[in-house]
Amino acid sequence: RSVWVSGGRAWAEAAYRPTHVAEHVVPAIH
């Protein structure tokens, strides 16, 4: 499983997706 730390960026990949998206690392870890 994965958490992408977006930093406010939009996801642009079509072939795969993260399990979860968080804007910053602290919410990702939570």
PDB file of all heavy atoms in Angstrom:
ATOM      1  N   ARG A   1       0.854  -1.190   0.000  1.00  0.00           N
ATOM      2  CA  ARG A   1       0.000   0.000   0.000  1.00  0.00           C
ATOM      3  C   ARG A   1       0.887   1.235   0.000  1.00  0.00           C
ATOM      4  O   ARG A   1       2.047   1.176   0.398  1.00  0.00           O
ATOM      5  CB  ARG A   1      -0.920  -0.016   1.223  1.00  0.00           C
ATOM      6  CG  ARG A   1      -1.910  -1.180   1.160  1.00  0.00           C
ATOM      7  CD  ARG A   1      -2.737  -1.268   2.408  1.00  0.00           C
ATOM      8  NE  ARG A   1      -1.894  -1.829   3.478  1.00  0.00           N
ATOM      9  CZ  ARG A   1      -2.319  -2.069   4.706  1.00  0.00           C
ATOM     10  NH1 ARG A   1      -3.549  -1.758   5.060  1.00  0.00           N
ATOM     11  NH2 ARG A   1      -1.520  -2.582   5.608  1.00  0.00           N
ATOM     12  N   SER A   2       0.304   2.362  -0.444  1.00  0.00           N
ATOM     13  CA  SER A   2       1.122   3.571  -0.557  1.00  0.00           C
ATOM     14  C   SER A   2       0.354   4.811  -0.126  1.00  0.00           C
ATOM     15  O   SER A   2      -0.862   4.873  -0.255  1.00  0.00           O
ATOM     16  CB  SER A   2       1.594   3.756  -1.997  1.00  0.00           C
ATOM     17  OG  SER A   2       0.494   3.903  -2.863  1.00  0.00           O
ATOM     18  N   VAL A   3       1.107   5.766   0.373  1.00  0.00           N
ATOM     19  CA  VAL A   3       0.583   7.113   0.626  1.00  0.00           C
ATOM     20  C   VAL A   3       1.468   8.062  -0.160  1.00  0.00           C
ATOM     21  O   VAL A   3       2.688   8.083   0.020  1.00  0.00           O
ATOM     22  CB  VAL A   3       0.610   7.503   2.124  1.00  0.00           C
ATOM     23  CG1 VAL A   3       0.062   8.919   2.299  1.00  0.00           C
ATOM     24  CG2 VAL A   3      -0.192   6.524   2.958  1.00  0.00           C
ATOM     25  N   TRP A   4       0.841   8.804  -1.050  1.00  0.00           N
ATOM     26  CA  TRP A   4       1.563   9.816  -1.810  1.00  0.00           C
ATOM     27  C   TRP A   4       1.453  11.137  -1.078  1.00  0.00           C
ATOM     28  O   TRP A   4       0.352  11.609  -0.790  1.00  0.00           O
ATOM     29  CB  TRP A   4       0.993   9.938  -3.211  1.00  0.00           C
ATOM     30  CG  TRP A   4       1.660  10.990  -4.050  1.00  0.00           C
ATOM     31  CD1 TRP A   4       3.010  11.143  -4.245  1.00  0.00           C
ATOM     32  CD2 TRP A   4       1.036  12.020  -4.787  1.00  0.00           C
ATOM     33  NE1 TRP A   4       3.252  12.208  -5.070  1.00  0.00           N
ATOM     34  CE2 TRP A   4       2.042  12.766  -5.427  1.00  0.00           C
ATOM     35  CE3 TRP A   4      -0.279  12.396  -4.986  1.00  0.00           C
ATOM     36  CZ2 TRP A   4       1.777  13.854  -6.230  1.00  0.00           C
ATOM     37  CZ3 TRP A   4      -0.544  13.478  -5.793  1.00  0.00           C
ATOM     38  CH2 TRP A   4       0.478  14.195  -6.402  1.00  0.00           C
ATOM     39  N   VAL A   5       2.566  11.733  -0.738  1.00  0.00           N
ATOM     40  CA  VAL A   5       2.603  13.059  -0.111  1.00  0.00           C
ATOM     41  C   VAL A   5       2.636  14.057  -1.261  1.00  0.00           C
ATOM     42  O   VAL A   5       3.658  14.257  -1.911  1.00  0.00           O
ATOM     43  CB  VAL A   5       3.834  13.191   0.815  1.00  0.00           C
ATOM     44  CG1 VAL A   5       3.852  14.566   1.455  1.00  0.00           C
ATOM     45  CG2 VAL A   5       3.826  12.096   1.882  1.00  0.00           C
ATOM     46  N   SER A   6       1.474  14.650  -1.534  1.00  0.00           N
ATOM     47  CA  SER A   6       1.284  15.435  -2.752  1.00  0.00           C
ATOM     48  C   SER A   6       1.894  16.830  -2.716  1.00  0.00           C
ATOM     49  O   SER A   6       2.205  17.384  -3.769  1.00  0.00           O
ATOM     50  CB  SER A   6      -0.204  15.563  -3.057  1.00  0.00           C
ATOM     51  OG  SER A   6      -0.836  16.421  -2.110  1.00  0.00           O
ATOM     52  N   GLY A   7       1.998  17.417  -1.538  1.00  0.00           N
ATOM     53  CA  GLY A   7       2.474  18.792  -1.477  1.00  0.00           C
ATOM     54  C   GLY A   7       1.578  19.738  -2.249  1.00  0.00           C
ATOM     55  O   GLY A   7       2.023  20.766  -2.740  1.00  0.00           O
ATOM     56  N   GLY A   8       0.317  19.369  -2.420  1.00  0.00           N
ATOM     57  CA  GLY A   8      -0.646  20.191  -3.143  1.00  0.00           C
ATOM     58  C   GLY A   8      -0.715  19.915  -4.635  1.00  0.00           C
ATOM     59  O   GLY A   8      -1.509  20.525  -5.346  1.00  0.00           O
ATOM     60  N   ARG A   9       0.107  18.983  -5.122  1.00  0.00           N
ATOM     61  CA  ARG A   9       0.100  18.659  -6.552  1.00  0.00           C
ATOM     62  C   ARG A   9      -1.045  17.705  -6.881  1.00  0.00           C
ATOM     63  O   ARG A   9      -1.470  16.919  -6.040  1.00  0.00           O
ATOM     64  CB  ARG A   9       1.414  17.991  -6.955  1.00  0.00           C
ATOM     65  CG  ARG A   9       2.628  18.871  -6.773  1.00  0.00           C
ATOM     66  CD  ARG A   9       3.909  18.093  -6.965  1.00  0.00           C
ATOM     67  NE  ARG A   9       4.051  17.152  -5.833  1.00  0.00           N
ATOM     68  CZ  ARG A   9       4.875  16.132  -5.807  1.00  0.00           C
ATOM     69  NH1 ARG A   9       5.635  15.856  -6.851  1.00  0.00           N
ATOM     70  NH2 ARG A   9       4.960  15.350  -4.748  1.00  0.00           N
ATOM     71  N   ALA A  10      -1.516  17.777  -8.126  1.00  0.00           N
ATOM     72  CA  ALA A  10      -2.555  16.860  -8.601  1.00  0.00           C
ATOM     73  C   ALA A  10      -1.907  15.570  -9.093  1.00  0.00           C
ATOM     74  O   ALA A  10      -0.797  15.578  -9.629  1.00  0.00           O
ATOM     75  CB  ALA A  10      -3.341  17.505  -9.733  1.00  0.00           C
ATOM     76  N   TRP A  11      -2.608  14.448  -8.923  1.00  0.00           N
ATOM     77  CA  TRP A  11      -2.117  13.168  -9.399  1.00  0.00           C
ATOM     78  C   TRP A  11      -2.260  13.124 -10.917  1.00  0.00           C
ATOM     79  O   TRP A  11      -3.322  13.431 -11.458  1.00  0.00           O
ATOM     80  CB  TRP A  11      -2.900  12.019  -8.755  1.00  0.00           C
ATOM     81  CG  TRP A  11      -2.355  10.693  -9.148  1.00  0.00           C
ATOM     82  CD1 TRP A  11      -2.882   9.825 -10.060  1.00  0.00           C
ATOM     83  CD2 TRP A  11      -1.158  10.084  -8.669  1.00  0.00           C
ATOM     84  NE1 TRP A  11      -2.086   8.723 -10.179  1.00  0.00           N
ATOM     85  CE2 TRP A  11      -1.013   8.860  -9.320  1.00  0.00           C
ATOM     86  CE3 TRP A  11      -0.190  10.471  -7.748  1.00  0.00           C
ATOM     87  CZ2 TRP A  11       0.056   8.001  -9.088  1.00  0.00           C
ATOM     88  CZ3 TRP A  11       0.866   9.619  -7.508  1.00  0.00           C
ATOM     89  CH2 TRP A  11       0.983   8.396  -8.169  1.00  0.00           C
ATOM     90  N   ALA A  12      -1.226  12.712 -11.637  1.00  0.00           N
ATOM     91  CA  ALA A  12      -1.247  12.743 -13.095  1.00  0.00           C
ATOM     92  C   ALA A  12      -0.991  11.387 -13.760  1.00  0.00           C
ATOM     93  O   ALA A  12      -1.060  11.288 -14.971  1.00  0.00           O
ATOM     94  CB  ALA A  12      -0.215  13.755 -13.596  1.00  0.00           C
ATOM     95  N   GLU A  13      -0.691  10.369 -12.991  1.00  0.00           N
ATOM     96  CA  GLU A  13      -0.399   9.052 -13.568  1.00  0.00           C
ATOM     97  C   GLU A  13      -1.686   8.281 -13.819  1.00  0.00           C
ATOM     98  O   GLU A  13      -2.569   8.257 -12.965  1.00  0.00           O
ATOM     99  CB  GLU A  13       0.503   8.249 -12.621  1.00  0.00           C
ATOM    100  CG  GLU A  13       1.843   8.886 -12.350  1.00  0.00           C
ATOM    101  CD  GLU A  13       2.725   8.944 -13.581  1.00  0.00           C
ATOM    102  OE1 GLU A  13       2.590   8.073 -14.468  1.00  0.00           O
ATOM    103  OE2 GLU A  13       3.555   9.854 -13.650  1.00  0.00           O
ATOM    104  N   ALA A  14      -1.787   7.642 -14.969  1.00  0.00           N
ATOM    105  CA  ALA A  14      -2.987   6.868 -15.295  1.00  0.00           C
ATOM    106  C   ALA A  14      -2.814   5.379 -15.017  1.00  0.00           C
ATOM    107  O   ALA A  14      -3.788   4.676 -14.767  1.00  0.00           O
ATOM    108  CB  ALA A  14      -3.360   7.074 -16.753  1.00  0.00           C
ATOM    109  N   ALA A  15      -1.588   4.884 -15.038  1.00  0.00           N
ATOM    110  CA  ALA A  15      -1.341   3.444 -14.942  1.00  0.00           C
ATOM    111  C   ALA A  15      -1.433   2.888 -13.526  1.00  0.00           C
ATOM    112  O   ALA A  15      -1.625   1.690 -13.347  1.00  0.00           O
ATOM    113  CB  ALA A  15       0.029   3.120 -15.529  1.00  0.00           C
ATOM    114  N   TYR A  16      -1.294   3.715 -12.530  1.00  0.00           N
ATOM    115  CA  TYR A  16      -1.341   3.278 -11.131  1.00  0.00           C
ATOM    116  C   TYR A  16      -1.745   4.468 -10.274  1.00  0.00           C
ATOM    117  O   TYR A  16      -1.658   5.613 -10.703  1.00  0.00           O
ATOM    118  CB  TYR A  16       0.019   2.714 -10.682  1.00  0.00           C
ATOM    119  CG  TYR A  16       1.179   3.641 -10.964  1.00  0.00           C
ATOM    120  CD1 TYR A  16       1.564   4.600 -10.034  1.00  0.00           C
ATOM    121  CD2 TYR A  16       1.865   3.587 -12.171  1.00  0.00           C
ATOM    122  CE1 TYR A  16       2.608   5.470 -10.295  1.00  0.00           C
ATOM    123  CE2 TYR A  16       2.905   4.450 -12.442  1.00  0.00           C
ATOM    124  CZ  TYR A  16       3.267   5.387 -11.502  1.00  0.00           C
ATOM    125  OH  TYR A  16       4.289   6.257 -11.763  1.00  0.00           O
ATOM    126  N   ARG A  17      -2.214   4.167  -9.066  1.00  0.00           N
ATOM    127  CA  ARG A  17      -2.656   5.215  -8.143  1.00  0.00           C
ATOM    128  C   ARG A  17      -2.197   4.862  -6.735  1.00  0.00           C
ATOM    129  O   ARG A  17      -2.071   3.682  -6.405  1.00  0.00           O
ATOM    130  CB  ARG A  17      -4.177   5.328  -8.140  1.00  0.00           C
ATOM    131  CG  ARG A  17      -4.761   5.698  -9.487  1.00  0.00           C
ATOM    132  CD  ARG A  17      -6.214   6.108  -9.404  1.00  0.00           C
ATOM    133  NE  ARG A  17      -6.453   7.236  -8.518  1.00  0.00           N
ATOM    134  CZ  ARG A  17      -6.228   8.520  -8.817  1.00  0.00           C
ATOM    135  NH1 ARG A  17      -5.716   8.840  -9.973  1.00  0.00           N
ATOM    136  NH2 ARG A  17      -6.509   9.471  -7.960  1.00  0.00           N
ATOM    137  N   PRO A  18      -1.999   5.866  -5.893  1.00  0.00           N
ATOM    138  CA  PRO A  18      -1.679   5.577  -4.495  1.00  0.00           C
ATOM    139  C   PRO A  18      -2.917   5.068  -3.762  1.00  0.00           C
ATOM    140  O   PRO A  18      -4.054   5.349  -4.160  1.00  0.00           O
ATOM    141  CB  PRO A  18      -1.244   6.945  -3.945  1.00  0.00           C
ATOM    142  CG  PRO A  18      -1.945   7.934  -4.816  1.00  0.00           C
ATOM    143  CD  PRO A  18      -2.036   7.306  -6.172  1.00  0.00           C
ATOM    144  N   THR A  19      -2.688   4.339  -2.700  1.00  0.00           N
ATOM    145  CA  THR A  19      -3.785   3.894  -1.854  1.00  0.00           C
ATOM    146  C   THR A  19      -4.448   5.091  -1.168  1.00  0.00           C
ATOM    147  O   THR A  19      -5.657   5.133  -1.000  1.00  0.00           O
ATOM    148  CB  THR A  19      -3.255   2.918  -0.775  1.00  0.00           C
ATOM    149  OG1 THR A  19      -2.513   1.890  -1.422  1.00  0.00           O
ATOM    150  CG2 THR A  19      -4.379   2.336   0.050  1.00  0.00           C
ATOM    151  N   HIS A  20      -3.622   6.054  -0.792  1.00  0.00           N
ATOM    152  CA  HIS A  20      -4.107   7.250  -0.088  1.00  0.00           C
ATOM    153  C   HIS A  20      -3.253   8.438  -0.507  1.00  0.00           C
ATOM    154  O   HIS A  20      -2.081   8.271  -0.837  1.00  0.00           O
ATOM    155  CB  HIS A  20      -4.002   7.034   1.428  1.00  0.00           C
ATOM    156  CG  HIS A  20      -4.538   8.159   2.241  1.00  0.00           C
ATOM    157  ND1 HIS A  20      -5.874   8.396   2.372  1.00  0.00           N
ATOM    158  CD2 HIS A  20      -3.902   9.126   2.947  1.00  0.00           C
ATOM    159  CE1 HIS A  20      -6.048   9.468   3.143  1.00  0.00           C
ATOM    160  NE2 HIS A  20      -4.855   9.923   3.492  1.00  0.00           N
ATOM    161  N   VAL A  21      -3.855   9.617  -0.497  1.00  0.00           N
ATOM    162  CA  VAL A  21      -3.134  10.857  -0.797  1.00  0.00           C
ATOM    163  C   VAL A  21      -3.216  11.771   0.416  1.00  0.00           C
ATOM    164  O   VAL A  21      -4.299  11.961   0.977  1.00  0.00           O
ATOM    165  CB  VAL A  21      -3.743  11.586  -2.021  1.00  0.00           C
ATOM    166  CG1 VAL A  21      -3.046  12.918  -2.258  1.00  0.00           C
ATOM    167  CG2 VAL A  21      -3.670  10.707  -3.256  1.00  0.00           C
ATOM    168  N   ALA A  22      -2.084  12.314   0.822  1.00  0.00           N
ATOM    169  CA  ALA A  22      -2.031  13.288   1.913  1.00  0.00           C
ATOM    170  C   ALA A  22      -1.218  14.479   1.418  1.00  0.00           C
ATOM    171  O   ALA A  22      -0.250  14.311   0.677  1.00  0.00           O
ATOM    172  CB  ALA A  22      -1.376  12.681   3.147  1.00  0.00           C
ATOM    173  N   GLU A  23      -1.610  15.660   1.815  1.00  0.00           N
ATOM    174  CA  GLU A  23      -0.896  16.846   1.353  1.00  0.00           C
ATOM    175  C   GLU A  23       0.474  16.987   2.000  1.00  0.00           C
ATOM    176  O   GLU A  23       1.417  17.473   1.379  1.00  0.00           O
ATOM    177  CB  GLU A  23      -1.727  18.104   1.594  1.00  0.00           C
ATOM    178  CG  GLU A  23      -1.140  19.318   0.904  1.00  0.00           C
ATOM    179  CD  GLU A  23      -2.081  20.499   0.855  1.00  0.00           C
ATOM    180  OE1 GLU A  23      -3.286  20.334   1.103  1.00  0.00           O
ATOM    181  OE2 GLU A  23      -1.584  21.593   0.585  1.00  0.00           O
ATOM    182  N   HIS A  24       0.589  16.547   3.254  1.00  0.00           N
ATOM    183  CA  HIS A  24       1.842  16.681   3.996  1.00  0.00           C
ATOM    184  C   HIS A  24       2.179  15.358   4.681  1.00  0.00           C
ATOM    185  O   HIS A  24       1.333  14.481   4.826  1.00  0.00           O
ATOM    186  CB  HIS A  24       1.741  17.794   5.041  1.00  0.00           C
ATOM    187  CG  HIS A  24       1.397  19.121   4.451  1.00  0.00           C
ATOM    188  ND1 HIS A  24       2.283  19.862   3.715  1.00  0.00           N
ATOM    189  CD2 HIS A  24       0.246  19.820   4.462  1.00  0.00           C
ATOM    190  CE1 HIS A  24       1.702  20.977   3.313  1.00  0.00           C
ATOM    191  NE2 HIS A  24       0.458  20.970   3.749  1.00  0.00           N
ATOM    192  N   VAL A  25       3.400  15.234   5.163  1.00  0.00           N
ATOM    193  CA  VAL A  25       3.878  13.972   5.718  1.00  0.00           C
ATOM    194  C   VAL A  25       3.185  13.592   7.036  1.00  0.00           C
ATOM    195  O   VAL A  25       2.942  12.405   7.276  1.00  0.00           O
ATOM    196  CB  VAL A  25       5.417  13.967   5.855  1.00  0.00           C
ATOM    197  CG1 VAL A  25       5.889  14.877   6.964  1.00  0.00           C
ATOM    198  CG2 VAL A  25       5.938  12.552   6.049  1.00  0.00           C
ATOM    199  N   VAL A  26       2.862  14.559   7.892  1.00  0.00           N
ATOM    200  CA  VAL A  26       2.241  14.212   9.178  1.00  0.00           C
ATOM    201  C   VAL A  26       0.886  13.528   8.975  1.00  0.00           C
ATOM    202  O   VAL A  26       0.644  12.457   9.551  1.00  0.00           O
ATOM    203  CB  VAL A  26       2.159  15.440  10.111  1.00  0.00           C
ATOM    204  CG1 VAL A  26       1.329  15.137  11.344  1.00  0.00           C
ATOM    205  CG2 VAL A  26       3.554  15.894  10.510  1.00  0.00           C
ATOM    206  N   PRO A  27      -0.020  14.077   8.150  1.00  0.00           N
ATOM    207  CA  PRO A  27      -1.265  13.345   7.906  1.00  0.00           C
ATOM    208  C   PRO A  27      -1.031  11.988   7.223  1.00  0.00           C
ATOM    209  O   PRO A  27      -1.787  11.050   7.443  1.00  0.00           O
ATOM    210  CB  PRO A  27      -2.078  14.276   7.005  1.00  0.00           C
ATOM    211  CG  PRO A  27      -1.463  15.615   7.125  1.00  0.00           C
ATOM    212  CD  PRO A  27      -0.037  15.398   7.532  1.00  0.00           C
ATOM    213  N   ALA A  28       0.017  11.893   6.414  1.00  0.00           N
ATOM    214  CA  ALA A  28       0.330  10.612   5.776  1.00  0.00           C
ATOM    215  C   ALA A  28       0.664   9.563   6.826  1.00  0.00           C
ATOM    216  O   ALA A  28       0.166   8.438   6.780  1.00  0.00           O
ATOM    217  CB  ALA A  28       1.506  10.788   4.805  1.00  0.00           C
ATOM    218  N   ILE A  29       1.491   9.927   7.773  1.00  0.00           N
ATOM    219  CA  ILE A  29       1.879   9.001   8.838  1.00  0.00           C
ATOM    220  C   ILE A  29       0.676   8.657   9.713  1.00  0.00           C
ATOM    221  O   ILE A  29       0.479   7.481  10.072  1.00  0.00           O
ATOM    222  CB  ILE A  29       3.039   9.569   9.659  1.00  0.00           C
ATOM    223  CG1 ILE A  29       4.298   9.628   8.780  1.00  0.00           C
ATOM    224  CG2 ILE A  29       3.287   8.744  10.927  1.00  0.00           C
ATOM    225  CD1 ILE A  29       5.442  10.406   9.367  1.00  0.00           C
ATOM    226  N   HIS A  30      -0.163   9.617  10.016  1.00  0.00           N
ATOM    227  CA  HIS A  30      -1.369   9.345  10.804  1.00  0.00           C
ATOM    228  C   HIS A  30      -2.275   8.356  10.085  1.00  0.00           C
ATOM    229  O   HIS A  30      -2.878   7.484  10.721  1.00  0.00           O
ATOM    230  CB  HIS A  30      -2.120  10.636  11.101  1.00  0.00           C
ATOM    231  CG  HIS A  30      -1.477  11.450  12.186  1.00  0.00           C
ATOM    232  ND1 HIS A  30      -2.174  12.334  12.947  1.00  0.00           N
ATOM    233  CD2 HIS A  30      -0.206  11.513  12.622  1.00  0.00           C
ATOM    234  CE1 HIS A  30      -1.352  12.918  13.806  1.00  0.00           C
ATOM    235  NE2 HIS A  30      -0.148  12.421  13.625  1.00  0.00           N
TER     236      HIS A  30
END
